[in-house]
C-alpha cells in the first residue's frame, strides 16, 4: 500500500498493489520470478495526487520470510512543480 501525507497524522491511500505469489504449484520460486524481483517491480497510480510532503510504503504480506523484508530502492516520478 502507498500512502501520502502533509502532516504525518492523516494518510491518504494512493494505491494498493500486489505482485502475487512468486511460488509455482510445487512451492518453488522460478528463476524468472527471481529475475523479475532483481529487475524491480513497477506500479503506476490511477490518478495524479495532490502535492504531498511524506510518503509511506506499507508491506501488508510476504511470501516466505515473515521476519525480514528487504527493499533496495523506491523511485518516485511526478509532475514538474515549476510554473511556466
N, C-alpha and C. Protein backbone atom coordinates (compact mmCIF):
# COMPACT_ATOMS: atom_id res chain seq x y z
N UNK A 1 0.84 -1.17 0.00
CA UNK A 1 0.00 0.00 0.00
C UNK A 1 0.89 1.24 0.00
N UNK A 2 0.48 2.25 -0.72
CA UNK A 2 1.24 3.50 -0.80
C UNK A 2 0.34 4.64 -0.30
N UNK A 3 0.89 5.40 0.64
CA UNK A 3 0.15 6.49 1.26
C UNK A 3 0.93 7.81 1.11
N UNK A 4 0.20 8.92 1.21
CA UNK A 4 0.82 10.25 1.19
C UNK A 4 0.21 11.09 2.30
N UNK A 5 1.00 12.03 2.80
CA UNK A 5 0.54 12.91 3.88
C UNK A 5 1.30 14.22 3.82
N UNK A 6 0.71 15.24 4.40
CA UNK A 6 1.40 16.51 4.57
C UNK A 6 1.73 16.78 6.03
N UNK A 7 1.17 15.96 6.95
CA UNK A 7 1.39 16.21 8.37
C UNK A 7 1.79 14.96 9.18
N UNK A 8 1.93 13.83 8.53
CA UNK A 8 2.26 12.54 9.16
C UNK A 8 1.20 12.08 10.17
N UNK A 9 0.04 12.72 10.16
CA UNK A 9 -1.05 12.31 11.04
C UNK A 9 -2.20 11.69 10.24
N UNK A 10 -2.54 12.35 9.16
CA UNK A 10 -3.60 11.86 8.28
C UNK A 10 -2.96 11.36 6.99
N UNK A 11 -3.25 10.10 6.64
CA UNK A 11 -2.64 9.47 5.47
C UNK A 11 -3.69 9.17 4.43
N UNK A 12 -3.40 9.53 3.19
CA UNK A 12 -4.28 9.27 2.06
C UNK A 12 -3.75 8.06 1.29
N UNK A 13 -4.57 7.04 1.14
CA UNK A 13 -4.17 5.86 0.38
C UNK A 13 -4.14 6.22 -1.10
N UNK A 14 -2.96 6.11 -1.72
CA UNK A 14 -2.82 6.40 -3.14
C UNK A 14 -3.02 5.17 -4.00
N UNK A 15 -2.70 3.99 -3.46
CA UNK A 15 -2.87 2.77 -4.24
C UNK A 15 -2.52 1.53 -3.46
N UNK A 16 -3.17 0.43 -3.84
CA UNK A 16 -2.89 -0.89 -3.27
C UNK A 16 -2.36 -1.75 -4.41
N UNK A 17 -1.21 -2.40 -4.20
CA UNK A 17 -0.56 -3.16 -5.26
C UNK A 17 -0.18 -4.54 -4.76
N UNK A 18 -0.19 -5.50 -5.65
CA UNK A 18 0.10 -6.89 -5.30
C UNK A 18 0.95 -7.50 -6.41
N UNK A 19 2.13 -8.00 -6.05
CA UNK A 19 2.99 -8.64 -7.06
C UNK A 19 2.66 -10.11 -7.22
N UNK A 20 1.78 -10.63 -6.37
CA UNK A 20 1.38 -12.03 -6.48
C UNK A 20 2.37 -12.97 -5.83
N UNK A 21 1.95 -14.19 -5.65
CA UNK A 21 2.78 -15.22 -5.04
C UNK A 21 3.81 -15.69 -6.07
N UNK A 22 5.10 -15.56 -5.76
CA UNK A 22 6.13 -15.95 -6.74
C UNK A 22 6.33 -17.47 -6.85
N UNK A 23 5.71 -18.22 -5.96
CA UNK A 23 5.93 -19.68 -5.96
C UNK A 23 5.08 -20.36 -7.04
N UNK A 24 5.64 -21.42 -7.62
CA UNK A 24 4.87 -22.21 -8.59
C UNK A 24 4.02 -23.24 -7.84
N UNK A 25 3.36 -24.12 -8.59
CA UNK A 25 2.45 -25.10 -7.97
C UNK A 25 3.17 -26.07 -7.03
N UNK A 26 4.49 -26.20 -7.18
CA UNK A 26 5.26 -27.07 -6.30
C UNK A 26 5.88 -26.32 -5.12
N UNK A 27 5.63 -25.03 -5.03
CA UNK A 27 6.17 -24.23 -3.94
C UNK A 27 7.55 -23.67 -4.20
N UNK A 28 8.03 -23.82 -5.43
CA UNK A 28 9.36 -23.32 -5.78
C UNK A 28 9.27 -21.94 -6.43
N UNK A 29 10.30 -21.15 -6.25
CA UNK A 29 10.37 -19.84 -6.91
C UNK A 29 11.23 -20.01 -8.14
N UNK A 30 10.65 -19.74 -9.31
CA UNK A 30 11.36 -19.95 -10.57
C UNK A 30 12.42 -18.88 -10.79
N UNK A 31 13.36 -19.19 -11.66
CA UNK A 31 14.41 -18.22 -11.98
C UNK A 31 13.82 -16.98 -12.64
N UNK A 32 12.72 -17.14 -13.37
CA UNK A 32 12.06 -15.98 -13.99
C UNK A 32 11.52 -15.03 -12.92
N UNK A 33 10.95 -15.57 -11.85
CA UNK A 33 10.43 -14.73 -10.75
C UNK A 33 11.57 -14.08 -9.98
N UNK A 34 12.68 -14.79 -9.84
CA UNK A 34 13.84 -14.19 -9.18
C UNK A 34 14.37 -13.04 -10.01
N UNK A 35 14.44 -13.20 -11.32
CA UNK A 35 14.90 -12.14 -12.20
C UNK A 35 13.94 -10.96 -12.17
N UNK A 36 12.64 -11.25 -12.10
CA UNK A 36 11.64 -10.19 -12.00
C UNK A 36 11.87 -9.35 -10.75
N UNK A 37 12.18 -10.00 -9.64
CA UNK A 37 12.46 -9.28 -8.39
C UNK A 37 13.74 -8.46 -8.51
N UNK A 38 14.76 -9.03 -9.14
CA UNK A 38 16.02 -8.31 -9.34
C UNK A 38 15.80 -7.07 -10.21
N UNK A 39 15.00 -7.21 -11.27
CA UNK A 39 14.72 -6.10 -12.17
C UNK A 39 13.87 -5.03 -11.51
N UNK A 40 13.08 -5.42 -10.52
CA UNK A 40 12.24 -4.47 -9.79
C UNK A 40 10.81 -4.51 -10.27
N UNK A 41 9.92 -4.12 -9.39
CA UNK A 41 8.50 -4.08 -9.70
C UNK A 41 8.10 -2.62 -9.90
N UNK A 42 7.20 -2.39 -10.81
CA UNK A 42 6.76 -1.03 -11.13
C UNK A 42 5.26 -0.93 -10.93
N UNK A 43 4.85 0.15 -10.28
CA UNK A 43 3.43 0.39 -10.04
C UNK A 43 3.10 1.80 -10.50
N UNK A 44 1.95 1.95 -11.11
CA UNK A 44 1.50 3.26 -11.55
C UNK A 44 0.18 3.59 -10.86
N UNK A 45 0.06 4.84 -10.41
CA UNK A 45 -1.17 5.28 -9.78
C UNK A 45 -2.23 5.55 -10.85
N UNK A 46 -3.48 5.32 -10.49
CA UNK A 46 -4.57 5.55 -11.42
C UNK A 46 -4.77 7.04 -11.71
N UNK A 47 -4.53 7.87 -10.69
CA UNK A 47 -4.75 9.31 -10.82
C UNK A 47 -3.55 10.07 -10.28
N UNK A 48 -3.44 11.32 -10.66
CA UNK A 48 -2.42 12.20 -10.11
C UNK A 48 -2.88 12.67 -8.75
N UNK A 49 -2.02 12.57 -7.75
CA UNK A 49 -2.38 13.00 -6.40
C UNK A 49 -2.08 14.49 -6.24
N UNK A 50 -2.64 15.04 -5.19
CA UNK A 50 -2.27 16.39 -4.80
C UNK A 50 -0.83 16.35 -4.30
N UNK A 51 -0.17 17.48 -4.27
CA UNK A 51 1.20 17.54 -3.76
C UNK A 51 1.23 17.04 -2.32
N UNK A 52 2.29 16.31 -1.95
CA UNK A 52 2.43 15.81 -0.59
C UNK A 52 3.87 15.92 -0.14
N UNK A 53 4.05 15.89 1.18
CA UNK A 53 5.39 16.01 1.74
C UNK A 53 5.95 14.66 2.20
N UNK A 54 5.09 13.77 2.71
CA UNK A 54 5.54 12.50 3.26
C UNK A 54 4.95 11.34 2.46
N UNK A 55 5.72 10.30 2.38
CA UNK A 55 5.38 9.12 1.60
C UNK A 55 5.54 7.89 2.50
N UNK A 56 4.55 7.00 2.48
CA UNK A 56 4.64 5.78 3.29
C UNK A 56 4.37 4.57 2.40
N UNK A 57 5.26 3.61 2.49
CA UNK A 57 5.18 2.37 1.74
C UNK A 57 4.93 1.27 2.76
N UNK A 58 3.79 0.63 2.71
CA UNK A 58 3.40 -0.35 3.72
C UNK A 58 3.32 -1.74 3.10
N UNK A 59 4.11 -2.66 3.62
CA UNK A 59 4.07 -4.05 3.15
C UNK A 59 3.09 -4.80 4.04
N UNK A 60 2.06 -5.34 3.44
CA UNK A 60 0.98 -5.98 4.21
C UNK A 60 1.06 -7.49 4.22
N UNK A 61 1.95 -8.07 3.44
CA UNK A 61 2.11 -9.51 3.41
C UNK A 61 3.37 -9.88 2.65
N UNK A 62 3.85 -11.10 2.90
CA UNK A 62 5.04 -11.55 2.19
C UNK A 62 4.93 -13.05 1.95
N UNK A 63 5.79 -13.55 1.13
CA UNK A 63 5.83 -14.97 0.82
C UNK A 63 7.19 -15.50 1.26
N UNK A 64 7.19 -16.41 2.20
CA UNK A 64 8.46 -16.94 2.69
C UNK A 64 8.79 -16.36 4.05
N UNK A 65 9.72 -15.43 4.10
CA UNK A 65 10.19 -14.86 5.35
C UNK A 65 9.12 -13.97 5.97
N UNK A 66 8.82 -14.23 7.22
CA UNK A 66 7.88 -13.39 7.96
C UNK A 66 8.62 -12.38 8.84
N UNK A 67 9.95 -12.49 8.91
CA UNK A 67 10.70 -11.60 9.78
C UNK A 67 11.51 -10.56 9.03
N UNK A 68 11.86 -10.82 7.77
CA UNK A 68 12.71 -9.90 7.03
C UNK A 68 12.13 -9.61 5.66
N UNK A 69 12.08 -8.34 5.35
CA UNK A 69 11.70 -7.88 4.01
C UNK A 69 12.72 -6.82 3.64
N UNK A 70 13.29 -6.95 2.47
CA UNK A 70 14.35 -6.03 2.05
C UNK A 70 13.90 -5.21 0.85
N UNK A 71 14.01 -3.93 0.97
CA UNK A 71 13.76 -3.04 -0.14
C UNK A 71 15.07 -2.39 -0.53
N UNK A 72 15.29 -2.19 -1.80
CA UNK A 72 16.56 -1.61 -2.20
C UNK A 72 16.42 -0.19 -2.74
N UNK A 73 15.30 0.11 -3.37
CA UNK A 73 15.17 1.44 -3.96
C UNK A 73 13.71 1.73 -4.24
N UNK A 74 13.31 2.95 -3.94
CA UNK A 74 11.99 3.43 -4.34
C UNK A 74 12.22 4.72 -5.11
N UNK A 75 11.73 4.77 -6.31
CA UNK A 75 11.87 5.95 -7.14
C UNK A 75 10.49 6.51 -7.43
N UNK A 76 10.31 7.79 -7.18
CA UNK A 76 9.03 8.44 -7.43
C UNK A 76 9.15 9.35 -8.64
N UNK A 77 8.15 9.34 -9.47
CA UNK A 77 8.08 10.25 -10.60
C UNK A 77 6.82 11.06 -10.44
N UNK A 78 6.85 12.32 -10.77
CA UNK A 78 5.68 13.15 -10.63
C UNK A 78 5.69 14.29 -11.63
N UNK A 79 4.73 15.17 -11.44
CA UNK A 79 4.62 16.33 -12.31
C UNK A 79 5.62 17.40 -11.87
N UNK A 80 6.14 18.14 -12.80
CA UNK A 80 7.04 19.23 -12.50
C UNK A 80 6.24 20.31 -11.77
N UNK A 81 6.78 20.79 -10.66
CA UNK A 81 6.09 21.76 -9.82
C UNK A 81 6.47 23.20 -10.17
N UNK A 82 7.20 23.40 -11.23
CA UNK A 82 7.62 24.73 -11.66
C UNK A 82 6.58 25.32 -12.59
N UNK A 83 6.13 26.53 -12.26
CA UNK A 83 5.15 27.19 -13.15
C UNK A 83 5.88 27.84 -14.31
N UNK A 84 5.27 27.78 -15.47
CA UNK A 84 5.86 28.39 -16.67
C UNK A 84 5.47 29.84 -16.77
